[in-house]
Structure formats: structure tokens, C-alpha cells
């Protein structure tokens, strides 16, 4: 029989979903996955905030709706940022001819 888990997030954290929480301490924002800190950035560093939110959305850890609701960010902006980030990473993996580049083996 599985045992219930204790709450992983403290009361002073903003809970995005069951996996991700955010905590601001002084001028630094910490992102937690479970009870482990996975990312941090300065409060005024909008580029780092945008990048990490896009990564969470694109890998499926959080949805743009969850992030926008928890952090009070515009849902359309988050979705647009994630699409742009996904598009730029796809462009980097293709060659000039538009075909996916073949990766050379590491050995």
C-alpha cells in the first residue's frame, strides 16, 4: 500500500503545480522541483524568467495556464514565448538545406 507524501512545499512558496514551486528570498527568485532547487535568477532578470518558464512549458513540467495563474503573468505572452523558444531550438537543429542535421558519434 503506497504511503501518502507529506507536503513538499513550505507555506511561503508560490505553488505552480504539484511539481514546481517558486520562492523569492531577498532579490533572488528560486525555482523548486519537489524539495530541490533547480534554478535561480535575480528578480529583475526578465530574460532568465522567460527562458525558464519556456523550458517548463516545452518539456511538459508545467502548462502556461498554471504558470500564468500562479505568477499572474499574461497567458498569451507565455504561450507566445514558448512557441518562439521551441521554434528557435528547432531552427538550430536543422542545416541550411532545411533537413535535420546528422549528429556525429562521440567516439
Protein backbone atom coordinates (compact mmCIF):
# COMPACT_ATOMS: atom_id res chain seq x y z
CA UNK A 1 0.00 0.00 0.00
CA UNK A 2 1.54 3.35 -1.01
CA UNK A 3 2.18 5.84 1.75
CA UNK A 4 0.92 9.39 1.34
CA UNK A 5 3.58 12.03 0.83
CA UNK A 6 3.92 14.98 3.13
CA UNK A 7 3.58 18.39 1.51
CA UNK A 8 6.90 19.18 -0.13
CA UNK A 9 6.48 22.93 -0.32
CA UNK A 10 6.57 25.35 2.60
CA UNK A 11 3.89 27.96 3.22
CA UNK A 12 5.99 30.86 1.94
CA UNK A 13 6.31 29.38 -1.58
CA UNK A 14 4.10 30.06 -4.57
CA UNK A 15 2.93 26.68 -5.83
CA UNK A 16 2.68 26.43 -9.62
CA UNK A 17 1.58 22.79 -9.72
CA UNK A 18 2.27 19.59 -7.80
CA UNK A 19 5.88 19.56 -9.03
CA UNK A 20 7.02 23.20 -9.28
CA UNK A 21 7.11 25.99 -6.70
CA UNK A 22 8.71 29.44 -6.60
CA UNK A 23 10.19 31.31 -3.66
CA UNK A 24 11.63 34.82 -3.53
CA UNK A 25 14.29 35.46 -0.93
CA UNK A 26 15.67 38.99 -0.89
CA UNK A 27 16.47 39.81 -4.54
CA UNK A 28 16.74 36.23 -5.80
CA UNK A 29 13.95 34.00 -7.14
CA UNK A 30 14.38 30.27 -6.54
CA UNK A 31 12.51 27.59 -8.53
CA UNK A 32 11.96 24.23 -6.82
CA UNK A 33 11.08 20.84 -8.27
CA UNK A 34 9.86 18.90 -5.29
CA UNK A 35 12.15 19.96 -2.48
CA UNK A 36 15.20 20.52 -4.68
CA UNK A 37 16.15 23.95 -6.06
CA UNK A 38 16.60 23.67 -9.83
CA UNK A 39 17.04 27.28 -10.98
CA UNK A 40 17.57 30.76 -9.62
CA UNK A 41 17.67 34.24 -11.08
CA UNK A 42 17.64 37.84 -9.96
CA UNK A 43 14.22 39.46 -9.53
CA UNK A 44 14.87 41.95 -12.33
CA UNK A 45 16.28 39.36 -14.78
CA UNK A 46 13.30 39.03 -17.11
CA UNK A 47 15.24 37.08 -19.73
CA UNK A 48 16.10 34.28 -17.27
CA UNK A 49 12.49 34.19 -16.06
CA UNK A 50 11.24 33.94 -19.61
CA UNK A 51 13.75 31.23 -20.53
CA UNK A 52 12.94 29.02 -17.55
CA UNK A 53 9.18 29.40 -17.99
CA UNK A 54 9.56 28.40 -21.65
CA UNK A 55 11.61 25.37 -20.67
CA UNK A 56 8.98 24.27 -18.15
CA UNK A 57 6.24 24.60 -20.75
CA UNK A 58 8.15 22.97 -23.61
CA UNK A 59 9.25 19.91 -21.65
CA UNK A 60 5.79 19.49 -20.15
CA UNK A 61 6.54 20.04 -16.46
CA UNK A 62 4.06 22.91 -16.22
CA UNK A 63 1.48 24.44 -18.52
CA UNK A 64 1.30 28.08 -19.46
CA UNK A 65 -2.09 28.26 -17.72
CA UNK A 66 -0.60 27.02 -14.43
CA UNK A 67 2.31 29.46 -14.58
CA UNK A 68 0.12 32.41 -15.55
CA UNK A 69 -2.36 31.67 -12.77
CA UNK A 70 0.28 31.21 -10.06
CA UNK A 71 2.57 34.09 -11.02
CA UNK A 72 -0.06 36.41 -12.53
CA UNK A 73 1.63 36.60 -15.94
CA UNK A 74 -0.31 37.03 -19.17
CA UNK A 75 -1.21 33.57 -20.54
CA UNK A 76 -0.92 34.64 -24.20
CA UNK A 77 2.57 36.04 -23.64
CA UNK A 78 3.74 32.81 -22.03
CA UNK A 79 2.33 30.73 -24.87
CA UNK A 80 3.94 33.01 -27.46
CA UNK A 81 7.31 32.89 -25.68
CA UNK A 82 7.17 29.09 -25.54
CA UNK A 83 6.33 28.85 -29.27
CA UNK A 84 9.16 31.23 -30.13
CA UNK A 85 11.63 29.30 -27.96
CA UNK A 86 10.51 26.00 -29.44
CA UNK A 87 10.88 27.45 -32.95
CA UNK A 88 14.38 28.77 -32.30
CA UNK A 89 15.55 25.43 -30.94
CA UNK A 90 14.14 23.63 -34.00
CA UNK A 91 15.94 26.05 -36.32
CA UNK A 92 19.23 25.39 -34.57
CA UNK A 93 18.90 21.64 -35.15
CA UNK A 94 18.37 21.98 -38.91
CA UNK A 95 21.00 22.66 -41.54
CA UNK A 96 20.90 25.30 -44.28
CA UNK A 97 19.06 22.95 -46.62
CA UNK A 98 16.24 22.64 -44.10
CA UNK A 99 16.99 18.99 -43.38
CA UNK A 100 17.77 17.88 -39.84
CA UNK A 101 21.47 17.76 -39.22
CA UNK A 102 23.07 14.39 -38.56
CA UNK A 103 24.95 14.25 -35.32
CA UNK A 104 28.38 12.68 -35.39
CA UNK A 105 29.04 9.94 -32.86
CA UNK A 106 31.02 11.00 -29.82
CA UNK A 107 33.57 8.18 -30.17
